Amino acid sequence: MPLVEHGLLVERVDIAESAAMNDIYGLRIPVLRRADSGVELDWPFDTGQVVAFLRDQLES
């Protein structure tokens, strides 16, 4: 995870024990979710898309 190595803070959430979270995210994992805005980026994504996702949210 190159962005984590450069200081991006992440929280890993295990959805296996929650039927509700599994229903929401089961087909989309992994999902990146911004804590500040709640905006989500579904898989598949690459590093460039993650950078754009973060940049777009910072500029809004």
N, C-alpha and C. Protein backbone atom coordinates (compact mmCIF):
# COMPACT_ATOMS: atom_id res chain seq x y z
N MET A 1 0.84 -1.18 0.00
CA MET A 1 0.00 0.00 0.00
C MET A 1 0.89 1.24 0.00
N PRO A 2 1.30 1.67 -1.17
CA PRO A 2 2.25 2.78 -1.24
C PRO A 2 1.75 4.08 -0.63
N LEU A 3 0.46 4.35 -0.68
CA LEU A 3 -0.03 5.60 -0.10
C LEU A 3 0.03 5.58 1.42
N VAL A 4 -0.17 4.42 2.01
CA VAL A 4 -0.05 4.30 3.47
C VAL A 4 1.39 4.55 3.89
N GLU A 5 2.32 4.05 3.10
CA GLU A 5 3.74 4.27 3.39
C GLU A 5 4.10 5.75 3.34
N HIS A 6 3.28 6.56 2.67
CA HIS A 6 3.52 8.00 2.57
C HIS A 6 2.62 8.80 3.50
N GLY A 7 2.01 8.14 4.49
CA GLY A 7 1.30 8.85 5.53
C GLY A 7 -0.22 8.86 5.43
N LEU A 8 -0.81 8.20 4.44
CA LEU A 8 -2.26 8.14 4.35
C LEU A 8 -2.78 7.29 5.51
N LEU A 9 -3.70 7.82 6.27
CA LEU A 9 -4.28 7.08 7.40
C LEU A 9 -5.45 6.26 6.92
N VAL A 10 -5.49 5.00 7.29
CA VAL A 10 -6.59 4.12 6.91
C VAL A 10 -7.10 3.38 8.13
N GLU A 11 -8.35 2.97 8.04
CA GLU A 11 -8.95 2.13 9.08
C GLU A 11 -9.51 0.91 8.37
N ARG A 12 -9.09 -0.25 8.79
CA ARG A 12 -9.58 -1.48 8.20
C ARG A 12 -10.82 -1.91 8.97
N VAL A 13 -11.89 -2.18 8.24
CA VAL A 13 -13.15 -2.62 8.85
C VAL A 13 -13.46 -4.01 8.31
N ASP A 14 -13.57 -4.99 9.21
CA ASP A 14 -13.91 -6.35 8.84
C ASP A 14 -15.43 -6.49 8.83
N ILE A 15 -16.00 -6.76 7.67
CA ILE A 15 -17.46 -6.85 7.55
C ILE A 15 -17.99 -8.26 7.77
N ALA A 16 -17.11 -9.21 8.00
CA ALA A 16 -17.51 -10.62 8.07
C ALA A 16 -18.52 -10.90 9.19
N GLU A 17 -18.44 -10.20 10.28
CA GLU A 17 -19.31 -10.48 11.43
C GLU A 17 -20.60 -9.67 11.41
N SER A 18 -20.82 -8.85 10.40
CA SER A 18 -22.01 -7.99 10.35
C SER A 18 -22.80 -8.27 9.08
N ALA A 19 -23.97 -8.84 9.24
CA ALA A 19 -24.82 -9.13 8.08
C ALA A 19 -25.19 -7.84 7.35
N ALA A 20 -25.47 -6.78 8.09
CA ALA A 20 -25.85 -5.51 7.47
C ALA A 20 -24.70 -4.95 6.63
N MET A 21 -23.49 -4.95 7.18
CA MET A 21 -22.35 -4.42 6.43
C MET A 21 -22.01 -5.33 5.26
N ASN A 22 -22.18 -6.63 5.42
CA ASN A 22 -21.94 -7.56 4.32
C ASN A 22 -22.92 -7.31 3.18
N ASP A 23 -24.17 -7.02 3.51
CA ASP A 23 -25.18 -6.70 2.49
C ASP A 23 -24.79 -5.42 1.73
N ILE A 24 -24.29 -4.43 2.44
CA ILE A 24 -23.93 -3.16 1.83
C ILE A 24 -22.68 -3.28 0.97
N TYR A 25 -21.64 -3.92 1.51
CA TYR A 25 -20.32 -3.89 0.88
C TYR A 25 -19.88 -5.20 0.24
N GLY A 26 -20.61 -6.28 0.43
CA GLY A 26 -20.16 -7.61 0.03
C GLY A 26 -19.65 -7.73 -1.39
N LEU A 27 -20.30 -7.12 -2.36
CA LEU A 27 -19.90 -7.24 -3.75
C LEU A 27 -18.97 -6.12 -4.19
N ARG A 28 -18.70 -5.15 -3.32
CA ARG A 28 -17.92 -3.97 -3.70
C ARG A 28 -16.53 -3.93 -3.08
N ILE A 29 -16.19 -4.88 -2.22
CA ILE A 29 -14.95 -4.79 -1.46
C ILE A 29 -13.72 -5.07 -2.31
N PRO A 30 -12.62 -4.45 -2.00
CA PRO A 30 -12.48 -3.44 -0.96
C PRO A 30 -13.08 -2.11 -1.40
N VAL A 31 -13.56 -1.35 -0.42
CA VAL A 31 -14.14 -0.03 -0.64
C VAL A 31 -13.34 0.97 0.17
N LEU A 32 -12.98 2.07 -0.46
CA LEU A 32 -12.36 3.17 0.27
C LEU A 32 -13.45 4.17 0.62
N ARG A 33 -13.49 4.60 1.88
CA ARG A 33 -14.50 5.56 2.33
C ARG A 33 -13.80 6.67 3.06
N ARG A 34 -14.07 7.90 2.64
CA ARG A 34 -13.48 9.06 3.30
C ARG A 34 -14.25 9.35 4.58
N ALA A 35 -13.54 9.44 5.70
CA ALA A 35 -14.17 9.72 6.98
C ALA A 35 -14.73 11.13 7.02
N ASP A 36 -14.11 12.06 6.30
CA ASP A 36 -14.56 13.45 6.36
C ASP A 36 -15.82 13.72 5.55
N SER A 37 -16.03 12.99 4.46
CA SER A 37 -17.17 13.29 3.60
C SER A 37 -18.11 12.10 3.41
N GLY A 38 -17.65 10.88 3.72
CA GLY A 38 -18.46 9.70 3.51
C GLY A 38 -18.48 9.20 2.07
N VAL A 39 -17.78 9.89 1.17
CA VAL A 39 -17.72 9.48 -0.22
C VAL A 39 -16.93 8.17 -0.33
N GLU A 40 -17.40 7.28 -1.19
CA GLU A 40 -16.79 5.96 -1.32
C GLU A 40 -16.26 5.72 -2.73
N LEU A 41 -15.19 4.94 -2.80
CA LEU A 41 -14.59 4.50 -4.05
C LEU A 41 -14.58 2.97 -4.03
N ASP A 42 -15.35 2.37 -4.95
CA ASP A 42 -15.47 0.91 -5.02
C ASP A 42 -14.34 0.31 -5.83
N TRP A 43 -14.03 -0.95 -5.55
CA TRP A 43 -13.08 -1.74 -6.31
C TRP A 43 -13.71 -2.03 -7.67
N PRO A 44 -13.00 -2.07 -8.73
CA PRO A 44 -11.54 -2.02 -8.82
C PRO A 44 -11.02 -0.59 -8.94
N PHE A 45 -9.87 -0.35 -8.34
CA PHE A 45 -9.20 0.95 -8.46
C PHE A 45 -7.71 0.72 -8.40
N ASP A 46 -6.97 1.70 -8.94
CA ASP A 46 -5.51 1.63 -8.87
C ASP A 46 -5.00 2.85 -8.11
N THR A 47 -3.71 2.93 -7.94
CA THR A 47 -3.13 4.03 -7.16
C THR A 47 -3.50 5.39 -7.73
N GLY A 48 -3.46 5.51 -9.05
CA GLY A 48 -3.81 6.78 -9.68
C GLY A 48 -5.24 7.19 -9.39
N GLN A 49 -6.15 6.24 -9.40
CA GLN A 49 -7.55 6.54 -9.09
C GLN A 49 -7.72 6.94 -7.63
N VAL A 50 -6.96 6.32 -6.75
CA VAL A 50 -7.02 6.69 -5.33
C VAL A 50 -6.52 8.12 -5.14
N VAL A 51 -5.42 8.46 -5.79
CA VAL A 51 -4.88 9.81 -5.69
C VAL A 51 -5.91 10.81 -6.21
N ALA A 52 -6.55 10.51 -7.35
CA ALA A 52 -7.57 11.41 -7.90
C ALA A 52 -8.76 11.52 -6.95
N PHE A 53 -9.17 10.41 -6.35
CA PHE A 53 -10.27 10.39 -5.39
C PHE A 53 -9.98 11.30 -4.20
N LEU A 54 -8.77 11.21 -3.70
CA LEU A 54 -8.37 12.06 -2.57
C LEU A 54 -8.27 13.51 -3.00
N ARG A 55 -7.69 13.76 -4.14
CA ARG A 55 -7.53 15.14 -4.63
C ARG A 55 -8.89 15.78 -4.89
N ASP A 56 -9.78 15.06 -5.57
CA ASP A 56 -11.12 15.59 -5.86
C ASP A 56 -11.85 15.97 -4.59
N GLN A 57 -11.72 15.17 -3.58
CA GLN A 57 -12.41 15.46 -2.33
C GLN A 57 -11.79 16.65 -1.61
N LEU A 58 -10.49 16.82 -1.72
CA LEU A 58 -9.84 17.94 -1.07
C LEU A 58 -10.20 19.25 -1.77
N GLU A 59 -10.43 19.20 -3.09
CA GLU A 59 -10.74 20.41 -3.86
C GLU A 59 -12.20 20.80 -3.76
N SER A 60 -13.09 19.88 -3.29
CA SER A 60 -14.50 20.22 -3.23
C SER A 60 -14.84 21.04 -2.01
